[in-house]
N, C-alpha and C. Protein backbone atom coordinates (compact mmCIF):
# COMPACT_ATOMS: atom_id res chain seq x y z
N UNK A 1 121.06 151.47 219.32
CA UNK A 1 121.30 151.97 220.33
C UNK A 1 120.95 153.13 220.80
N UNK A 2 120.18 154.00 219.95
CA UNK A 2 119.49 154.96 220.28
C UNK A 2 118.19 154.73 221.02
N UNK A 3 117.40 153.89 220.37
CA UNK A 3 116.25 153.57 220.79
C UNK A 3 116.35 152.96 222.14
N UNK A 4 117.59 151.93 222.43
CA UNK A 4 117.52 151.40 223.58
C UNK A 4 117.85 152.34 224.74
N UNK A 5 118.61 153.27 224.64
CA UNK A 5 119.14 154.79 225.51
C UNK A 5 117.79 155.53 225.57
N UNK A 6 116.63 155.42 224.55
CA UNK A 6 115.56 156.19 224.71
C UNK A 6 114.73 155.47 225.90
N UNK A 7 114.59 154.26 225.69
CA UNK A 7 113.90 153.19 226.70
C UNK A 7 114.71 153.67 228.15
N UNK A 8 115.69 153.41 228.15
CA UNK A 8 116.07 153.83 229.58
C UNK A 8 116.16 155.14 229.95
N UNK A 9 116.19 156.09 229.15
CA UNK A 9 115.40 157.49 229.81
C UNK A 9 114.05 157.66 230.09
N UNK A 10 113.20 156.73 229.37
CA UNK A 10 112.01 156.75 230.12
C UNK A 10 112.14 155.84 231.37
N UNK A 11 112.82 154.91 231.74
CA UNK A 11 112.61 154.30 233.00
C UNK A 11 113.13 155.28 234.01
N UNK A 12 114.25 156.05 233.75
CA UNK A 12 114.90 156.53 234.56
C UNK A 12 113.90 158.04 234.92
N UNK A 13 113.60 158.64 234.00
CA UNK A 13 112.75 159.56 234.40
C UNK A 13 111.45 159.37 235.03
N UNK A 14 110.84 158.23 234.62
CA UNK A 14 109.48 157.55 235.09
C UNK A 14 109.70 157.17 236.73
N UNK A 15 111.16 156.85 236.99
CA UNK A 15 111.66 156.62 238.47
C UNK A 15 111.70 158.16 239.08
N UNK A 16 112.14 158.72 238.60
CA UNK A 16 111.96 160.23 239.09
C UNK A 16 110.76 160.82 239.49
N UNK A 17 110.11 160.71 238.70
CA UNK A 17 108.34 160.88 238.72
C UNK A 17 107.93 160.21 239.78
N UNK A 18 108.05 158.65 240.18
CA UNK A 18 107.56 158.07 241.18
C UNK A 18 107.96 158.48 242.66
N UNK A 19 109.24 158.88 242.39
CA UNK A 19 109.92 159.27 243.67
C UNK A 19 109.69 160.52 244.25
N UNK A 20 109.07 161.37 243.12
CA UNK A 20 108.35 162.47 243.94
C UNK A 20 106.73 162.22 244.41
N UNK A 21 106.34 161.23 243.79
CA UNK A 21 105.21 160.61 244.14
C UNK A 21 105.37 160.40 245.72
N UNK A 22 106.11 159.58 245.77
CA UNK A 22 106.52 159.11 247.02
C UNK A 22 106.46 160.36 248.16
N UNK A 23 107.55 161.23 247.85
CA UNK A 23 107.51 162.48 248.57
C UNK A 23 106.10 163.20 248.93
N UNK A 24 105.54 163.14 247.92
CA UNK A 24 104.11 163.90 247.94
C UNK A 24 103.01 162.88 248.67
N UNK A 25 103.05 161.53 248.78
CA UNK A 25 102.32 160.87 249.48
C UNK A 25 101.32 160.63 248.51
N UNK A 26 101.36 160.42 247.04
CA UNK A 26 100.35 160.33 246.00
C UNK A 26 99.88 158.62 246.12
N UNK A 27 98.63 158.35 245.73
CA UNK A 27 98.41 157.13 245.68
C UNK A 27 98.73 156.60 244.17
N UNK A 28 98.38 155.34 243.77
CA UNK A 28 99.13 154.58 242.73
C UNK A 28 98.74 155.27 241.40
N UNK A 29 97.59 155.84 241.22
CA UNK A 29 96.95 156.32 240.29
C UNK A 29 97.86 157.91 240.06
N UNK A 30 97.90 158.56 240.98
CA UNK A 30 98.67 159.81 240.89
C UNK A 30 100.24 159.49 240.49
N UNK A 31 100.98 158.47 241.26
CA UNK A 31 102.16 158.09 240.81
C UNK A 31 102.62 157.80 239.23
N UNK A 32 101.32 157.10 238.97
CA UNK A 32 101.26 156.41 237.45
C UNK A 32 101.37 157.97 236.45
N UNK A 33 100.38 158.58 236.99
CA UNK A 33 100.25 159.91 235.96
C UNK A 33 101.51 160.83 236.07
N UNK A 34 102.14 161.00 237.18
CA UNK A 34 103.36 161.51 237.32
C UNK A 34 104.39 161.11 236.61
N UNK A 35 104.77 159.61 237.06
CA UNK A 35 105.79 158.64 236.36
C UNK A 35 105.75 159.03 234.48
N UNK A 36 104.37 158.84 234.16
CA UNK A 36 104.29 158.89 232.72
C UNK A 36 104.61 160.31 231.99
N UNK A 37 104.03 161.22 232.86
CA UNK A 37 104.28 162.76 232.40
C UNK A 37 105.78 163.07 232.38
N UNK A 38 106.47 162.53 233.31
CA UNK A 38 107.97 163.06 233.51
C UNK A 38 108.73 162.30 232.48
N UNK A 39 108.21 160.83 231.92
CA UNK A 39 108.96 160.10 231.25
C UNK A 39 108.48 160.37 229.49
N UNK A 40 107.64 160.97 229.41
CA UNK A 40 107.24 161.12 227.91
C UNK A 40 107.11 162.67 227.57
N UNK A 41 107.11 163.61 228.68
CA UNK A 41 106.74 164.73 228.66
C UNK A 41 107.71 165.54 227.71
N UNK A 42 109.07 165.32 227.79
CA UNK A 42 110.05 166.05 227.01
C UNK A 42 109.92 165.83 225.44
N UNK A 43 110.02 164.64 225.15
CA UNK A 43 109.83 164.20 224.00
C UNK A 43 108.78 164.51 223.41
N UNK A 44 107.50 164.65 224.13
CA UNK A 44 106.01 165.14 223.56
C UNK A 44 106.12 166.44 223.11
N UNK A 45 106.77 167.26 223.98
CA UNK A 45 107.06 168.64 223.71
C UNK A 45 107.86 168.98 222.61
N UNK A 46 109.01 168.22 222.51
CA UNK A 46 109.93 168.52 221.28
C UNK A 46 109.21 168.02 220.04
N UNK A 47 108.53 167.01 219.96
CA UNK A 47 107.83 166.70 218.76
C UNK A 47 106.98 167.50 218.22
N UNK A 48 106.22 168.06 219.29
CA UNK A 48 104.93 169.10 219.14
C UNK A 48 105.57 170.36 218.20
N UNK A 49 106.74 170.87 219.04
CA UNK A 49 107.53 171.65 218.37
C UNK A 49 108.14 171.66 216.97
N UNK A 50 108.39 170.58 216.73
CA UNK A 50 109.05 169.96 215.31
C UNK A 50 108.16 169.63 214.54
N UNK A 51 106.63 169.57 215.26
CA UNK A 51 105.43 169.26 213.79
C UNK A 51 105.87 167.65 213.65
N UNK A 52 106.56 166.90 214.42
CA UNK A 52 106.61 165.28 214.24
C UNK A 52 105.36 164.62 214.60
N UNK A 53 104.49 164.08 214.08
CA UNK A 53 103.01 163.51 214.08
C UNK A 53 103.17 162.13 213.21
N UNK A 54 102.66 160.92 214.01
CA UNK A 54 101.81 160.85 215.22
C UNK A 54 102.89 161.02 216.32
N UNK A 55 102.91 161.37 217.41
CA UNK A 55 103.49 161.53 218.42
C UNK A 55 104.41 159.90 218.85
N UNK A 56 105.64 160.12 219.42
CA UNK A 56 106.16 158.69 219.38
C UNK A 56 105.86 157.78 220.19
N UNK A 57 104.95 158.10 221.16
CA UNK A 57 104.49 157.34 222.23
C UNK A 57 103.05 156.37 221.87
N UNK A 58 102.55 157.16 220.66
CA UNK A 58 101.09 156.62 220.40
C UNK A 58 101.73 155.37 219.28
N UNK A 59 102.89 155.38 218.81
CA UNK A 59 103.35 154.37 217.85
C UNK A 59 103.99 153.12 218.54
N UNK A 60 104.34 153.36 219.61
CA UNK A 60 105.01 152.21 220.33
C UNK A 60 105.01 152.10 221.68
N UNK A 61 104.07 150.84 221.87
CA UNK A 61 103.55 150.61 223.16
C UNK A 61 104.86 150.73 224.79
N UNK A 62 105.90 150.57 224.20
CA UNK A 62 106.78 150.37 225.11
C UNK A 62 107.28 151.25 225.83
N UNK A 63 106.81 152.62 225.63
CA UNK A 63 107.03 153.93 226.09
C UNK A 63 106.12 154.02 227.13
N UNK A 64 105.14 154.11 227.04
CA UNK A 64 104.00 154.03 228.19
C UNK A 64 103.95 152.62 229.25
N UNK A 65 104.61 151.55 228.36
CA UNK A 65 104.41 150.13 229.34
C UNK A 65 105.50 150.41 230.21
N UNK A 66 106.82 150.76 229.86
CA UNK A 66 107.82 150.54 230.80
C UNK A 66 107.60 151.82 231.64
N UNK A 67 106.92 153.07 231.27
CA UNK A 67 106.73 154.05 232.57
C UNK A 67 105.97 153.73 233.41
N UNK A 68 104.92 153.12 233.05
CA UNK A 68 103.83 152.34 233.98
C UNK A 68 104.51 151.49 234.86
N UNK A 69 104.96 150.61 234.26
CA UNK A 69 105.97 149.45 235.04
C UNK A 69 106.77 150.06 235.95
N UNK A 70 107.35 150.86 235.47
CA UNK A 70 108.56 151.69 236.49
C UNK A 70 107.45 152.16 237.80
N UNK A 71 106.57 152.69 237.55
CA UNK A 71 105.76 153.41 238.47
C UNK A 71 105.16 152.51 239.78
N UNK A 72 104.63 151.23 239.08
CA UNK A 72 104.08 150.41 239.95
C UNK A 72 105.25 149.63 240.53
N UNK A 73 106.36 149.33 239.89
CA UNK A 73 107.47 148.54 240.65
C UNK A 73 108.09 149.46 241.55
N UNK A 74 107.89 150.95 241.30
CA UNK A 74 108.76 151.57 242.40
C UNK A 74 107.84 151.61 243.83
N UNK A 75 106.46 151.64 243.52
CA UNK A 75 105.40 151.48 244.55
C UNK A 75 105.64 150.34 245.75
N UNK A 76 105.51 149.31 244.87
CA UNK A 76 106.38 147.95 245.55
C UNK A 76 107.53 148.32 246.53
N UNK A 77 108.45 148.73 245.84
CA UNK A 77 109.70 148.94 246.60
C UNK A 77 109.60 149.69 247.59
N UNK A 78 109.00 150.94 247.49
CA UNK A 78 108.83 152.09 248.60
C UNK A 78 107.91 151.37 249.77
N UNK A 79 107.10 150.50 249.45
CA UNK A 79 106.23 149.78 250.55
C UNK A 79 106.97 148.79 251.24
N UNK A 80 108.05 148.20 250.85
CA UNK A 80 109.20 147.36 251.26
C UNK A 80 109.82 147.62 252.21
N UNK A 81 110.28 149.13 252.16
CA UNK A 81 111.37 149.63 253.00
C UNK A 81 110.63 150.75 253.92
N UNK A 82 110.93 150.87 255.14
CA UNK A 82 110.08 151.77 256.03
C UNK A 82 110.44 153.07 255.86
N UNK A 83 110.06 154.31 256.11
CA UNK A 83 110.33 155.34 255.85
C UNK A 83 111.06 156.32 256.66
N UNK A 84 112.20 155.70 257.37
CA UNK A 84 113.05 156.25 258.02
C UNK A 84 113.88 157.20 257.76
N UNK A 85 114.83 157.99 258.16
CA UNK A 85 115.34 159.03 257.65
C UNK A 85 116.70 158.67 256.93
N UNK A 86 117.16 157.40 257.11
CA UNK A 86 118.26 156.96 256.29
C UNK A 86 117.87 156.57 254.88
N UNK A 87 116.60 155.62 254.94
CA UNK A 87 116.00 155.48 253.86
C UNK A 87 115.49 156.66 252.93
N UNK A 88 115.10 157.36 253.74
CA UNK A 88 114.57 158.81 252.84
C UNK A 88 115.82 159.42 252.13
N UNK A 89 117.07 159.42 252.71
CA UNK A 89 117.89 159.82 252.33
C UNK A 89 118.69 159.10 251.07
N UNK A 90 118.23 158.11 251.13
CA UNK A 90 118.82 157.14 249.66
C UNK A 90 117.80 157.18 248.69
N UNK A 91 116.67 157.56 249.19
CA UNK A 91 115.81 157.78 247.95
C UNK A 91 116.00 159.23 247.22
N UNK A 92 116.27 160.20 248.21
CA UNK A 92 116.34 161.44 247.66
C UNK A 92 117.89 161.25 246.61
N UNK A 93 118.74 160.52 247.16
CA UNK A 93 119.77 160.73 246.25
C UNK A 93 119.47 159.90 244.84
N UNK A 94 118.73 159.06 245.02
CA UNK A 94 118.20 158.28 243.99
C UNK A 94 117.62 158.96 242.89
N UNK A 95 116.71 160.01 243.42
CA UNK A 95 115.86 160.86 242.54
C UNK A 95 117.12 162.13 241.86
N UNK A 96 118.07 162.29 242.61
CA UNK A 96 118.68 163.33 241.90
C UNK A 96 119.84 162.36 240.81
N UNK A 97 120.19 161.36 240.97
CA UNK A 97 120.84 160.61 239.87
C UNK A 97 119.86 160.11 238.98
N UNK A 98 118.65 159.82 239.01
CA UNK A 98 117.73 159.29 238.11
C UNK A 98 117.49 160.41 237.19
N UNK A 99 117.34 161.51 237.81
CA UNK A 99 116.98 162.85 237.22
C UNK A 99 118.08 163.15 236.41
N UNK A 100 119.39 163.21 236.82
CA UNK A 100 120.56 163.70 235.88
C UNK A 100 120.58 162.78 234.94
N UNK A 101 120.25 161.23 234.67
CA UNK A 101 120.42 160.29 233.90
C UNK A 101 119.51 160.64 232.72
N UNK A 102 118.02 160.80 233.25
CA UNK A 102 117.01 161.10 232.11
C UNK A 102 117.47 162.50 231.62
N UNK A 103 117.73 163.43 232.06
CA UNK A 103 118.09 164.68 231.53
C UNK A 103 119.29 164.48 230.53
N UNK A 104 120.57 163.71 230.72
CA UNK A 104 121.40 163.37 229.81
C UNK A 104 120.91 162.77 228.34
N UNK A 105 120.14 161.77 228.72
CA UNK A 105 119.44 160.64 227.53
C UNK A 105 118.57 161.65 226.93
N UNK A 106 118.01 162.38 227.64
CA UNK A 106 116.92 163.11 226.27
C UNK A 106 117.31 164.39 225.65
N UNK A 107 118.53 164.84 226.62
CA UNK A 107 119.21 165.81 225.75
C UNK A 107 120.04 165.45 224.51
N UNK A 108 120.71 164.29 224.72
CA UNK A 108 121.42 163.96 223.62
C UNK A 108 120.60 163.54 222.59
N UNK A 109 119.43 162.76 222.61
CA UNK A 109 118.61 162.32 221.79
C UNK A 109 117.75 163.54 220.95
N UNK A 110 117.40 164.54 221.93
CA UNK A 110 116.70 165.57 221.42
C UNK A 110 117.70 166.52 220.33
N UNK A 111 118.63 166.54 220.67
CA UNK A 111 119.79 167.14 219.86
C UNK A 111 119.98 166.64 218.48
N UNK A 112 120.08 165.09 218.42
CA UNK A 112 119.92 164.47 217.29
C UNK A 112 118.63 164.45 216.47
N UNK A 113 117.85 164.51 217.07
CA UNK A 113 116.28 164.59 216.23
C UNK A 113 116.15 165.82 215.98
N UNK A 114 116.71 166.80 216.34
CA UNK A 114 116.60 168.19 216.19
C UNK A 114 117.48 168.39 214.57
N UNK A 115 118.74 167.96 214.78
CA UNK A 115 119.57 168.04 213.45
C UNK A 115 118.91 167.23 212.27
N UNK A 116 118.03 165.95 212.54
CA UNK A 116 117.35 165.07 211.88
C UNK A 116 116.47 166.22 211.10
N UNK A 117 115.70 166.81 211.98
CA UNK A 117 114.73 167.93 211.51
C UNK A 117 115.21 168.73 210.55
N UNK A 118 116.35 169.02 210.62
CA UNK A 118 116.86 170.09 209.42
C UNK A 118 117.03 171.38 210.23
N UNK A 119 116.87 171.32 211.66
CA UNK A 119 117.33 172.68 212.28
C UNK A 119 118.61 172.95 212.28
N UNK A 120 119.15 174.37 212.49
CA UNK A 120 120.67 174.86 212.68
C UNK A 120 121.21 174.08 213.67
N UNK A 121 122.89 174.04 213.80
CA UNK A 121 123.09 173.46 214.96
C UNK A 121 122.93 174.24 216.24
N UNK A 122 122.74 175.42 216.20
CA UNK A 122 122.36 176.21 217.62
C UNK A 122 121.15 175.71 217.93
N UNK A 123 120.25 175.96 217.16
CA UNK A 123 118.57 175.52 217.28
C UNK A 123 118.66 174.00 217.53
N UNK A 124 119.41 173.04 217.02
CA UNK A 124 119.21 171.59 217.27
C UNK A 124 119.78 171.69 218.99
N UNK A 125 120.75 172.29 219.53
CA UNK A 125 121.26 172.33 220.75
C UNK A 125 120.30 172.72 221.77
N UNK A 126 119.61 173.68 221.50
CA UNK A 126 118.49 174.40 221.92
C UNK A 126 117.07 173.40 222.27
N UNK A 127 116.92 172.65 221.36
CA UNK A 127 115.80 171.66 221.12
C UNK A 127 116.59 170.65 222.05
N UNK A 128 117.72 170.33 221.94
CA UNK A 128 118.13 169.14 222.73
C UNK A 128 117.76 169.43 224.24
N UNK A 129 118.28 170.77 224.75
CA UNK A 129 118.14 171.22 226.10
C UNK A 129 116.81 170.89 226.96
N UNK A 130 115.69 171.47 225.41
CA UNK A 130 114.46 171.61 226.26
C UNK A 130 113.66 170.33 226.18
N UNK A 131 114.35 169.39 225.23
CA UNK A 131 113.73 167.96 225.42
C UNK A 131 114.20 167.28 226.78
N UNK A 132 115.62 167.55 227.15
CA UNK A 132 116.19 167.26 228.10
C UNK A 132 115.30 167.68 229.61
N UNK A 133 115.08 168.91 229.76
CA UNK A 133 114.52 169.52 230.70
C UNK A 133 112.89 169.40 231.04
N UNK A 134 112.04 169.70 229.78
CA UNK A 134 110.78 169.68 229.95
C UNK A 134 110.14 168.41 230.86
N UNK A 135 110.65 167.42 230.69
CA UNK A 135 109.74 166.31 231.43
C UNK A 135 110.19 166.68 232.94
N UNK A 136 111.12 166.88 233.49
CA UNK A 136 111.54 167.34 234.88
C UNK A 136 110.60 168.57 235.15
N UNK A 137 110.75 169.63 234.39
CA UNK A 137 109.58 170.73 234.56
C UNK A 137 108.20 170.50 234.85
N UNK A 138 107.64 169.57 233.70
CA UNK A 138 106.51 169.16 233.75
C UNK A 138 105.96 168.20 235.34
N UNK A 139 107.12 167.17 235.64
CA UNK A 139 106.84 166.67 236.58
C UNK A 139 106.66 167.94 238.16
N UNK A 140 107.78 168.67 238.11
CA UNK A 140 107.64 169.67 239.20
C UNK A 140 106.70 170.23 239.33
N UNK A 141 106.09 170.68 238.20
CA UNK A 141 104.70 171.45 238.03
C UNK A 141 103.65 170.85 238.57
N UNK A 142 103.54 169.66 238.12
CA UNK A 142 102.35 168.83 238.39
C UNK A 142 102.20 168.70 239.88
N UNK A 143 103.58 168.36 240.51
CA UNK A 143 103.55 168.33 241.71
C UNK A 143 103.83 169.40 242.50
N UNK A 144 103.45 170.64 242.26
CA UNK A 144 103.59 171.94 242.95
C UNK A 144 104.83 172.03 243.59
N UNK A 145 106.16 171.69 242.89
CA UNK A 145 107.32 172.21 243.28
C UNK A 145 107.79 173.01 242.40
N UNK A 146 108.88 173.72 242.97
CA UNK A 146 109.77 174.52 242.21
C UNK A 146 110.39 173.93 241.31
N UNK A 147 110.42 174.04 239.70
CA UNK A 147 111.27 173.38 238.91
C UNK A 147 112.75 173.36 239.12
N UNK A 148 113.47 172.56 238.99
CA UNK A 148 114.88 172.66 239.14
C UNK A 148 115.48 173.51 238.48
N UNK A 149 114.88 173.68 237.08
CA UNK A 149 115.47 174.69 235.91
C UNK A 149 115.48 176.05 236.79
N UNK A 150 114.64 176.52 237.54
CA UNK A 150 114.42 177.91 237.90
C UNK A 150 115.43 177.87 239.33
N UNK A 151 115.80 176.88 239.80
CA UNK A 151 116.72 176.98 240.98
C UNK A 151 118.23 177.29 240.76
N UNK A 152 119.02 177.31 241.48
CA UNK A 152 120.52 177.84 241.25
C UNK A 152 121.36 176.67 240.64
N UNK A 153 120.78 175.57 240.90
CA UNK A 153 121.23 174.37 240.47
C UNK A 153 121.89 174.37 238.92
N UNK A 154 122.92 173.86 238.67
CA UNK A 154 123.57 173.89 237.33
C UNK A 154 122.64 172.61 236.66
N UNK A 155 121.79 172.86 235.92
CA UNK A 155 120.77 172.14 235.50
C UNK A 155 120.72 172.21 233.77
N UNK A 156 119.70 173.14 233.30
CA UNK A 156 119.60 173.40 231.94
C UNK A 156 121.06 173.79 231.33
N UNK A 157 122.06 174.24 231.92
CA UNK A 157 123.43 174.67 231.51
C UNK A 157 123.84 173.32 231.14
N UNK A 158 123.96 172.35 232.37
CA UNK A 158 124.41 171.26 232.08
C UNK A 158 123.80 170.48 230.59
N UNK A 159 122.67 170.45 230.56
CA UNK A 159 122.22 169.89 229.14
C UNK A 159 122.50 170.87 228.04
N UNK A 160 122.56 172.06 228.05
CA UNK A 160 122.76 172.64 226.99
C UNK A 160 124.53 172.35 226.54
N UNK A 161 125.40 172.16 227.55
CA UNK A 161 126.82 171.94 227.06
C UNK A 161 126.64 170.47 226.91
N UNK A 162 125.86 169.45 227.11
CA UNK A 162 125.62 168.30 226.87
C UNK A 162 125.59 168.28 225.22
N UNK A 163 124.35 169.29 224.86
CA UNK A 163 123.98 169.17 223.63
C UNK A 163 125.32 169.69 222.42
N UNK A 164 125.87 170.60 223.08
CA UNK A 164 126.93 171.03 222.27
C UNK A 164 128.03 170.36 222.06
N UNK A 165 128.04 169.34 223.23
CA UNK A 165 129.39 168.32 223.04
C UNK A 165 128.89 167.30 221.88
N UNK A 166 127.55 167.11 221.82
CA UNK A 166 127.19 166.16 220.62
C UNK A 166 127.40 166.87 219.47
N UNK A 167 126.90 167.98 219.02
CA UNK A 167 127.35 168.81 218.05
C UNK A 167 128.49 168.86 217.60
N UNK A 168 129.75 168.75 218.34
CA UNK A 168 131.12 168.99 218.05
C UNK A 168 131.52 167.44 217.77
N UNK A 169 131.29 166.54 218.45
CA UNK A 169 131.62 165.39 218.22
C UNK A 169 131.00 164.37 217.11
N UNK A 170 130.31 164.75 216.80
CA UNK A 170 129.08 163.87 215.76
C UNK A 170 129.90 163.78 214.61
N UNK A 171 130.27 165.00 213.74
CA UNK A 171 130.78 165.36 212.61
C UNK A 171 132.01 164.49 212.34
N UNK A 172 132.91 163.94 213.50
CA UNK A 172 134.05 163.59 213.31
C UNK A 172 134.10 161.95 213.84
N UNK A 173 132.83 161.63 214.29
CA UNK A 173 132.92 160.22 214.65
C UNK A 173 131.48 159.55 214.30
N UNK A 174 130.80 159.27 214.88
CA UNK A 174 129.33 158.87 214.76
C UNK A 174 128.20 159.23 215.68
N UNK A 175 127.18 159.00 215.21
CA UNK A 175 126.21 159.53 216.22
C UNK A 175 125.94 158.73 217.38
N UNK A 176 126.53 157.55 217.39
CA UNK A 176 126.14 156.50 218.81
C UNK A 176 127.30 156.89 219.55
N UNK A 177 128.68 157.44 219.02
CA UNK A 177 129.77 157.89 219.79
C UNK A 177 129.26 159.29 220.79
N UNK A 178 128.81 159.97 219.66
CA UNK A 178 128.60 161.39 219.98
C UNK A 178 127.34 161.40 221.14
N UNK A 179 126.35 160.51 221.01
CA UNK A 179 125.55 160.46 221.98
C UNK A 179 126.07 159.99 223.47
N UNK A 180 126.87 158.93 223.50
CA UNK A 180 127.17 158.69 224.71
C UNK A 180 128.22 159.66 225.39
N UNK A 181 128.96 160.44 224.31
CA UNK A 181 129.78 161.36 225.15
C UNK A 181 129.07 162.77 225.49
N UNK A 182 127.93 163.09 225.00
CA UNK A 182 127.00 163.89 225.49
C UNK A 182 126.41 163.61 226.49
N UNK A 183 125.86 162.32 226.63
CA UNK A 183 125.28 161.58 228.07
C UNK A 183 126.29 161.65 229.09
N UNK A 184 127.31 161.38 228.94
CA UNK A 184 128.60 161.53 229.78
C UNK A 184 128.54 163.11 230.40
N UNK A 185 128.94 163.96 229.25
CA UNK A 185 129.02 165.56 229.73
C UNK A 185 127.85 165.84 230.51
N UNK A 186 126.56 165.69 230.08
CA UNK A 186 125.57 166.16 230.74
C UNK A 186 125.39 165.71 232.50
N UNK A 187 125.37 164.51 232.13
CA UNK A 187 125.06 163.88 233.78
C UNK A 187 126.27 163.90 234.62
N UNK A 188 127.65 163.85 234.05
CA UNK A 188 128.92 163.99 234.93
C UNK A 188 128.75 165.52 235.59
N UNK A 189 128.28 166.43 234.51
CA UNK A 189 128.45 167.59 234.92
C UNK A 189 127.35 168.18 236.14
N UNK A 190 126.03 167.44 235.62
CA UNK A 190 125.06 167.52 236.80
C UNK A 190 125.47 167.05 237.98
N UNK A 191 125.98 165.76 237.94
CA UNK A 191 126.35 164.98 239.14
C UNK A 191 127.41 165.82 240.11
N UNK A 192 128.34 166.31 239.16
CA UNK A 192 129.49 166.94 239.79
C UNK A 192 129.18 168.34 240.37
N UNK A 193 128.27 169.14 239.76
CA UNK A 193 127.56 170.33 240.35
C UNK A 193 127.16 169.98 241.84
N UNK A 194 126.20 169.18 241.61
CA UNK A 194 125.38 168.63 242.88
C UNK A 194 126.71 168.18 244.25
N UNK A 195 127.42 167.46 243.99
CA UNK A 195 128.59 167.17 244.94
C UNK A 195 129.28 168.07 245.20
N UNK A 196 129.73 169.29 244.30
CA UNK A 196 130.67 170.05 244.79
C UNK A 196 129.84 171.56 244.99
N UNK A 197 128.52 171.32 245.25
CA UNK A 197 127.76 172.51 245.63
C UNK A 197 128.02 173.74 244.57
N UNK A 198 127.86 173.29 243.27
CA UNK A 198 128.43 174.50 242.07
C UNK A 198 127.05 175.22 241.63
N UNK A 199 127.04 176.29 241.49
CA UNK A 199 125.59 177.26 241.34
C UNK A 199 125.94 178.34 240.34
N UNK A 200 125.40 178.67 239.66
CA UNK A 200 125.17 179.84 238.68
C UNK A 200 124.75 181.31 239.43
N UNK A 201 125.27 182.47 239.02
CA UNK A 201 125.18 183.64 239.85
C UNK A 201 123.77 183.83 239.91
N UNK A 202 123.13 184.53 240.93
CA UNK A 202 121.89 184.69 241.17
C UNK A 202 121.55 186.35 240.97
N UNK A 203 120.16 186.66 240.77
CA UNK A 203 120.25 188.22 240.55
C UNK A 203 119.89 188.55 241.85
N UNK A 204 119.78 187.68 242.96
CA UNK A 204 119.83 188.59 244.09
C UNK A 204 121.35 188.43 244.59
N UNK A 205 121.85 189.62 245.70
CA UNK A 205 123.14 189.80 245.64
C UNK A 205 123.27 188.79 247.29
N UNK A 206 123.41 187.60 246.96
CA UNK A 206 123.26 186.72 248.10
C UNK A 206 124.97 186.30 248.31
N UNK A 207 125.83 186.24 247.13
CA UNK A 207 126.84 185.88 247.11
C UNK A 207 127.16 184.42 247.79
């Protein structure tokens, strides 16, 4: 199940990269680069931090294949629908949902891999948060956008709480159930924060 969830995370994060490519009016190659970088960026950074080599996507063609296929299908979908304001708002909403699901999946899996690598629970939670966030950060940096992690949105906080949820539940249940619960907490909190306009306090006194 973890492998299937990992591939689902690749698809949704690749979709978020393709949606940003649409926003930036990139061509197919630019969209492919952004989609693939978003899909495998967090896992690559995680594995480099943990010294896990060879990198996961060099040993399994499904990762690059699914990310690339998602980018191509997205391009075809974007060209089928006109870019009016109503459609654009739907794509913007799809970006937020895809990003939240990708964040949640890779946070849970990153936490599990951190524990497998022998990290302490606290460091495994941090590794999970980094795994979930880094792909989106890389996407935004490559596209010259302010990363969501630096905005007022509840983003990394949702990932960290999801990782802590995994650590609390796994010892008394199973890895699969802990992963599903962590995904639900991270994605649910992220989407609820967007809907309710929840934010963390800022360093500027804007109240």
